[in-house]
Amino acid sequence: MVGAITLLLVCQLLGTIIAHAAGWPIPGPVLGLVFLLALLVWRGGPSPALQETSGGLLRQLGLLFVPAGVGIVNELHVIRVDALAIAVAVPVSTLLALGVTGTLMQIFARGER
């Protein structure tokens, strides 16, 4: 379990360091997830310890959204100023994400047959 948590944190830290050093406008933890995905694909899947640890974190996912919710409440003045842009960006980005996800699932599903 400690090794699995360490792996998750190292991937996040690596992503943060690289994103910051390169000046990329992508959050470090997102880049860390890409590194974790690449590692899992290369290794052929997660170890049982990583599955157990990540499952435990996922069971507590609701609790992990509390800081994000507090951040939104703290930035309500920004949300009020940019309400129209946010109201357009959220559904458009959601539809784009659904389209990309559906397309990728169709591509990957064809490969499994």
N, C-alpha and C. Protein backbone atom coordinates (compact mmCIF):
# COMPACT_ATOMS: atom_id res chain seq x y z
N MET A 1 0.81 -1.19 0.00
CA MET A 1 0.00 0.00 0.00
C MET A 1 0.86 1.26 0.00
N VAL A 2 1.92 1.27 0.79
CA VAL A 2 2.81 2.43 0.84
C VAL A 2 3.49 2.62 -0.52
N GLY A 3 3.88 1.51 -1.14
CA GLY A 3 4.49 1.59 -2.46
C GLY A 3 3.54 2.14 -3.51
N ALA A 4 2.27 1.76 -3.42
CA ALA A 4 1.28 2.24 -4.38
C ALA A 4 1.02 3.73 -4.20
N ILE A 5 0.90 4.17 -2.95
CA ILE A 5 0.70 5.60 -2.70
C ILE A 5 1.93 6.38 -3.16
N THR A 6 3.10 5.82 -2.91
CA THR A 6 4.33 6.47 -3.36
C THR A 6 4.35 6.60 -4.87
N LEU A 7 3.95 5.56 -5.58
CA LEU A 7 3.90 5.62 -7.04
C LEU A 7 2.95 6.73 -7.51
N LEU A 8 1.77 6.81 -6.91
CA LEU A 8 0.81 7.85 -7.29
C LEU A 8 1.37 9.24 -7.03
N LEU A 9 2.00 9.42 -5.87
CA LEU A 9 2.55 10.73 -5.53
C LEU A 9 3.75 11.10 -6.39
N VAL A 10 4.58 10.12 -6.72
CA VAL A 10 5.74 10.38 -7.59
C VAL A 10 5.28 10.79 -8.98
N CYS A 11 4.26 10.12 -9.51
CA CYS A 11 3.72 10.50 -10.82
C CYS A 11 3.18 11.93 -10.78
N GLN A 12 2.46 12.27 -9.72
CA GLN A 12 1.93 13.62 -9.59
C GLN A 12 3.06 14.64 -9.47
N LEU A 13 4.06 14.34 -8.65
CA LEU A 13 5.18 15.25 -8.47
C LEU A 13 5.96 15.42 -9.77
N LEU A 14 6.20 14.34 -10.47
CA LEU A 14 6.91 14.41 -11.75
C LEU A 14 6.14 15.27 -12.75
N GLY A 15 4.83 15.08 -12.80
CA GLY A 15 4.01 15.90 -13.69
C GLY A 15 4.06 17.37 -13.33
N THR A 16 4.02 17.67 -12.03
CA THR A 16 4.07 19.06 -11.57
C THR A 16 5.41 19.69 -11.90
N ILE A 17 6.48 18.97 -11.66
CA ILE A 17 7.82 19.50 -11.94
C ILE A 17 7.99 19.77 -13.43
N ILE A 18 7.60 18.82 -14.26
CA ILE A 18 7.77 18.99 -15.70
C ILE A 18 6.88 20.10 -16.24
N ALA A 19 5.62 20.14 -15.81
CA ALA A 19 4.72 21.19 -16.28
C ALA A 19 5.22 22.57 -15.87
N HIS A 20 5.72 22.68 -14.65
CA HIS A 20 6.22 23.97 -14.17
C HIS A 20 7.51 24.35 -14.89
N ALA A 21 8.44 23.41 -15.02
CA ALA A 21 9.72 23.70 -15.67
C ALA A 21 9.55 24.05 -17.14
N ALA A 22 8.62 23.37 -17.81
CA ALA A 22 8.40 23.63 -19.24
C ALA A 22 7.51 24.84 -19.47
N GLY A 23 6.83 25.30 -18.41
CA GLY A 23 5.93 26.43 -18.57
C GLY A 23 4.65 26.08 -19.31
N TRP A 24 4.28 24.81 -19.28
CA TRP A 24 3.07 24.37 -19.97
C TRP A 24 1.83 24.79 -19.19
N PRO A 25 0.77 25.15 -19.89
CA PRO A 25 -0.46 25.57 -19.19
C PRO A 25 -1.36 24.38 -18.84
N ILE A 26 -0.76 23.32 -18.36
CA ILE A 26 -1.51 22.13 -17.99
C ILE A 26 -1.19 21.83 -16.53
N PRO A 27 -2.19 21.49 -15.73
CA PRO A 27 -1.91 21.19 -14.32
C PRO A 27 -0.97 19.99 -14.19
N GLY A 28 -0.04 20.10 -13.27
CA GLY A 28 0.91 19.03 -13.04
C GLY A 28 0.27 17.69 -12.73
N PRO A 29 -0.77 17.65 -11.88
CA PRO A 29 -1.41 16.36 -11.60
C PRO A 29 -2.02 15.71 -12.84
N VAL A 30 -2.49 16.52 -13.78
CA VAL A 30 -3.04 15.95 -15.02
C VAL A 30 -1.92 15.30 -15.82
N LEU A 31 -0.80 15.98 -15.92
CA LEU A 31 0.36 15.41 -16.61
C LEU A 31 0.84 14.16 -15.87
N GLY A 32 0.77 14.19 -14.55
CA GLY A 32 1.13 13.01 -13.75
C GLY A 32 0.24 11.82 -14.05
N LEU A 33 -1.05 12.08 -14.27
CA LEU A 33 -1.97 10.99 -14.64
C LEU A 33 -1.60 10.40 -16.00
N VAL A 34 -1.14 11.26 -16.91
CA VAL A 34 -0.69 10.76 -18.22
C VAL A 34 0.53 9.85 -18.03
N PHE A 35 1.45 10.27 -17.17
CA PHE A 35 2.62 9.42 -16.88
C PHE A 35 2.20 8.10 -16.24
N LEU A 36 1.25 8.17 -15.31
CA LEU A 36 0.77 6.95 -14.66
C LEU A 36 0.11 6.02 -15.68
N LEU A 37 -0.69 6.58 -16.58
CA LEU A 37 -1.32 5.77 -17.62
C LEU A 37 -0.27 5.11 -18.50
N ALA A 38 0.74 5.87 -18.91
CA ALA A 38 1.80 5.30 -19.75
C ALA A 38 2.52 4.17 -19.02
N LEU A 39 2.79 4.38 -17.74
CA LEU A 39 3.45 3.34 -16.94
C LEU A 39 2.60 2.09 -16.83
N LEU A 40 1.29 2.27 -16.61
CA LEU A 40 0.40 1.12 -16.49
C LEU A 40 0.26 0.37 -17.81
N VAL A 41 0.22 1.10 -18.92
CA VAL A 41 0.16 0.45 -20.23
C VAL A 41 1.45 -0.33 -20.46
N TRP A 42 2.57 0.26 -20.13
CA TRP A 42 3.87 -0.38 -20.32
C TRP A 42 4.00 -1.64 -19.45
N ARG A 43 3.48 -1.58 -18.23
CA ARG A 43 3.58 -2.72 -17.31
C ARG A 43 2.48 -3.75 -17.52
N GLY A 44 1.50 -3.44 -18.34
CA GLY A 44 0.42 -4.38 -18.59
C GLY A 44 -0.72 -4.30 -17.60
N GLY A 45 -0.81 -3.23 -16.85
CA GLY A 45 -1.91 -3.05 -15.91
C GLY A 45 -1.42 -2.76 -14.52
N PRO A 46 -2.34 -2.44 -13.63
CA PRO A 46 -1.95 -2.11 -12.26
C PRO A 46 -1.67 -3.36 -11.43
N SER A 47 -0.83 -3.20 -10.45
CA SER A 47 -0.57 -4.29 -9.51
C SER A 47 -1.77 -4.40 -8.56
N PRO A 48 -1.91 -5.54 -7.89
CA PRO A 48 -3.02 -5.67 -6.92
C PRO A 48 -2.96 -4.60 -5.83
N ALA A 49 -1.76 -4.24 -5.39
CA ALA A 49 -1.64 -3.20 -4.35
C ALA A 49 -2.12 -1.86 -4.87
N LEU A 50 -1.79 -1.54 -6.12
CA LEU A 50 -2.24 -0.27 -6.70
C LEU A 50 -3.75 -0.28 -6.90
N GLN A 51 -4.30 -1.42 -7.30
CA GLN A 51 -5.76 -1.51 -7.44
C GLN A 51 -6.45 -1.29 -6.10
N GLU A 52 -5.92 -1.90 -5.05
CA GLU A 52 -6.52 -1.76 -3.73
C GLU A 52 -6.42 -0.32 -3.23
N THR A 53 -5.25 0.27 -3.40
CA THR A 53 -5.04 1.64 -2.93
C THR A 53 -5.90 2.63 -3.70
N SER A 54 -5.92 2.51 -5.01
CA SER A 54 -6.72 3.44 -5.81
C SER A 54 -8.21 3.23 -5.56
N GLY A 55 -8.63 2.00 -5.31
CA GLY A 55 -10.02 1.75 -4.97
C GLY A 55 -10.40 2.43 -3.66
N GLY A 56 -9.49 2.39 -2.69
CA GLY A 56 -9.73 3.08 -1.43
C GLY A 56 -9.85 4.58 -1.61
N LEU A 57 -9.01 5.14 -2.46
CA LEU A 57 -9.10 6.58 -2.74
C LEU A 57 -10.40 6.92 -3.46
N LEU A 58 -10.79 6.07 -4.39
CA LEU A 58 -12.03 6.34 -5.13
C LEU A 58 -13.26 6.27 -4.23
N ARG A 59 -13.22 5.41 -3.21
CA ARG A 59 -14.34 5.35 -2.27
C ARG A 59 -14.48 6.66 -1.49
N GLN A 60 -13.40 7.41 -1.38
CA GLN A 60 -13.42 8.69 -0.65
C GLN A 60 -13.45 9.89 -1.61
N LEU A 61 -13.80 9.65 -2.86
CA LEU A 61 -13.73 10.70 -3.87
C LEU A 61 -14.57 11.92 -3.52
N GLY A 62 -15.74 11.71 -2.95
CA GLY A 62 -16.59 12.83 -2.57
C GLY A 62 -15.89 13.79 -1.62
N LEU A 63 -15.14 13.24 -0.69
CA LEU A 63 -14.41 14.06 0.27
C LEU A 63 -13.32 14.87 -0.43
N LEU A 64 -12.74 14.32 -1.48
CA LEU A 64 -11.68 15.02 -2.19
C LEU A 64 -12.19 16.22 -2.98
N PHE A 65 -13.51 16.32 -3.19
CA PHE A 65 -14.07 17.47 -3.89
C PHE A 65 -14.31 18.66 -2.97
N VAL A 66 -14.20 18.48 -1.67
CA VAL A 66 -14.45 19.58 -0.73
C VAL A 66 -13.51 20.76 -0.98
N PRO A 67 -12.20 20.58 -1.12
CA PRO A 67 -11.34 21.74 -1.39
C PRO A 67 -11.71 22.47 -2.69
N ALA A 68 -12.10 21.73 -3.70
CA ALA A 68 -12.50 22.37 -4.96
C ALA A 68 -13.76 23.20 -4.76
N GLY A 69 -14.70 22.68 -4.00
CA GLY A 69 -15.92 23.43 -3.71
C GLY A 69 -15.64 24.70 -2.92
N VAL A 70 -14.74 24.61 -1.95
CA VAL A 70 -14.36 25.79 -1.17
C VAL A 70 -13.67 26.81 -2.08
N GLY A 71 -12.85 26.34 -2.99
CA GLY A 71 -12.19 27.25 -3.93
C GLY A 71 -13.18 27.99 -4.81
N ILE A 72 -14.22 27.30 -5.23
CA ILE A 72 -15.25 27.94 -6.05
C ILE A 72 -15.97 29.01 -5.25
N VAL A 73 -16.31 28.71 -4.01
CA VAL A 73 -16.99 29.70 -3.16
C VAL A 73 -16.08 30.91 -2.93
N ASN A 74 -14.79 30.68 -2.76
CA ASN A 74 -13.86 31.79 -2.56
C ASN A 74 -13.71 32.66 -3.80
N GLU A 75 -13.99 32.13 -4.97
CA GLU A 75 -13.83 32.88 -6.22
C GLU A 75 -15.16 33.27 -6.85
N LEU A 76 -16.20 33.41 -6.06
CA LEU A 76 -17.51 33.76 -6.61
C LEU A 76 -17.50 35.09 -7.35
N HIS A 77 -16.66 36.03 -6.92
CA HIS A 77 -16.59 37.31 -7.62
C HIS A 77 -16.10 37.13 -9.06
N VAL A 78 -15.18 36.23 -9.28
CA VAL A 78 -14.70 35.94 -10.64
C VAL A 78 -15.80 35.26 -11.45
N ILE A 79 -16.51 34.35 -10.82
CA ILE A 79 -17.59 33.64 -11.50
C ILE A 79 -18.68 34.62 -11.91
N ARG A 80 -18.99 35.58 -11.06
CA ARG A 80 -20.02 36.58 -11.40
C ARG A 80 -19.59 37.41 -12.60
N VAL A 81 -18.34 37.80 -12.65
CA VAL A 81 -17.83 38.64 -13.75
C VAL A 81 -17.85 37.87 -15.07
N ASP A 82 -17.46 36.61 -15.03
CA ASP A 82 -17.34 35.80 -16.25
C ASP A 82 -18.44 34.77 -16.37
N ALA A 83 -19.61 35.04 -15.84
CA ALA A 83 -20.70 34.06 -15.81
C ALA A 83 -21.10 33.59 -17.21
N LEU A 84 -21.19 34.50 -18.17
CA LEU A 84 -21.60 34.11 -19.52
C LEU A 84 -20.56 33.19 -20.16
N ALA A 85 -19.29 33.56 -20.04
CA ALA A 85 -18.23 32.72 -20.61
C ALA A 85 -18.22 31.34 -19.97
N ILE A 86 -18.41 31.28 -18.68
CA ILE A 86 -18.44 30.00 -17.97
C ILE A 86 -19.66 29.19 -18.39
N ALA A 87 -20.80 29.87 -18.51
CA ALA A 87 -22.04 29.19 -18.90
C ALA A 87 -21.95 28.61 -20.31
N VAL A 88 -21.14 29.19 -21.17
CA VAL A 88 -20.95 28.66 -22.52
C VAL A 88 -19.85 27.59 -22.51
N ALA A 89 -18.77 27.86 -21.81
CA ALA A 89 -17.61 26.96 -21.84
C ALA A 89 -17.91 25.60 -21.22
N VAL A 90 -18.67 25.56 -20.15
CA VAL A 90 -18.92 24.28 -19.47
C VAL A 90 -19.70 23.31 -20.36
N PRO A 91 -20.85 23.69 -20.93
CA PRO A 91 -21.55 22.71 -21.78
C PRO A 91 -20.79 22.37 -23.06
N VAL A 92 -20.11 23.37 -23.65
CA VAL A 92 -19.36 23.09 -24.88
C VAL A 92 -18.23 22.11 -24.60
N SER A 93 -17.48 22.35 -23.53
CA SER A 93 -16.37 21.43 -23.21
C SER A 93 -16.89 20.06 -22.82
N THR A 94 -18.03 20.00 -22.16
CA THR A 94 -18.63 18.71 -21.80
C THR A 94 -19.01 17.93 -23.05
N LEU A 95 -19.64 18.60 -24.00
CA LEU A 95 -20.03 17.93 -25.25
C LEU A 95 -18.80 17.48 -26.03
N LEU A 96 -17.76 18.32 -26.07
CA LEU A 96 -16.53 17.92 -26.75
C LEU A 96 -15.90 16.69 -26.07
N ALA A 97 -15.87 16.69 -24.75
CA ALA A 97 -15.30 15.55 -24.03
C ALA A 97 -16.11 14.29 -24.28
N LEU A 98 -17.43 14.40 -24.30
CA LEU A 98 -18.27 13.23 -24.61
C LEU A 98 -18.00 12.72 -26.01
N GLY A 99 -17.88 13.63 -26.96
CA GLY A 99 -17.62 13.23 -28.35
C GLY A 99 -16.28 12.54 -28.50
N VAL A 100 -15.25 13.11 -27.90
CA VAL A 100 -13.91 12.50 -27.98
C VAL A 100 -13.90 11.14 -27.29
N THR A 101 -14.52 11.06 -26.12
CA THR A 101 -14.57 9.79 -25.39
C THR A 101 -15.32 8.73 -26.19
N GLY A 102 -16.46 9.09 -26.76
CA GLY A 102 -17.22 8.14 -27.57
C GLY A 102 -16.45 7.67 -28.78
N THR A 103 -15.78 8.60 -29.44
CA THR A 103 -14.98 8.24 -30.62
C THR A 103 -13.84 7.31 -30.24
N LEU A 104 -13.14 7.62 -29.17
CA LEU A 104 -12.04 6.76 -28.73
C LEU A 104 -12.54 5.38 -28.31
N MET A 105 -13.67 5.33 -27.65
CA MET A 105 -14.23 4.03 -27.26
C MET A 105 -14.57 3.18 -28.48
N GLN A 106 -15.11 3.81 -29.51
CA GLN A 106 -15.42 3.07 -30.74
C GLN A 106 -14.14 2.56 -31.39
N ILE A 107 -13.11 3.39 -31.41
CA ILE A 107 -11.83 2.97 -32.00
C ILE A 107 -11.24 1.80 -31.21
N PHE A 108 -11.22 1.92 -29.88
CA PHE A 108 -10.64 0.86 -29.06
C PHE A 108 -11.49 -0.40 -29.07
N ALA A 109 -12.80 -0.26 -29.15
CA ALA A 109 -13.69 -1.43 -29.18
C ALA A 109 -13.48 -2.22 -30.47
N ARG A 110 -13.22 -1.54 -31.57
CA ARG A 110 -12.93 -2.24 -32.83
C ARG A 110 -11.67 -3.07 -32.72
N GLY A 111 -10.69 -2.57 -31.98
CA GLY A 111 -9.43 -3.28 -31.84
C GLY A 111 -9.53 -4.53 -31.00
N GLU A 112 -10.56 -4.66 -30.16
CA GLU A 112 -10.70 -5.83 -29.29
C GLU A 112 -11.38 -7.00 -29.98
N ARG A 113 -12.01 -6.76 -31.10
CA ARG A 113 -12.75 -7.84 -31.76
C ARG A 113 -11.85 -8.82 -32.42
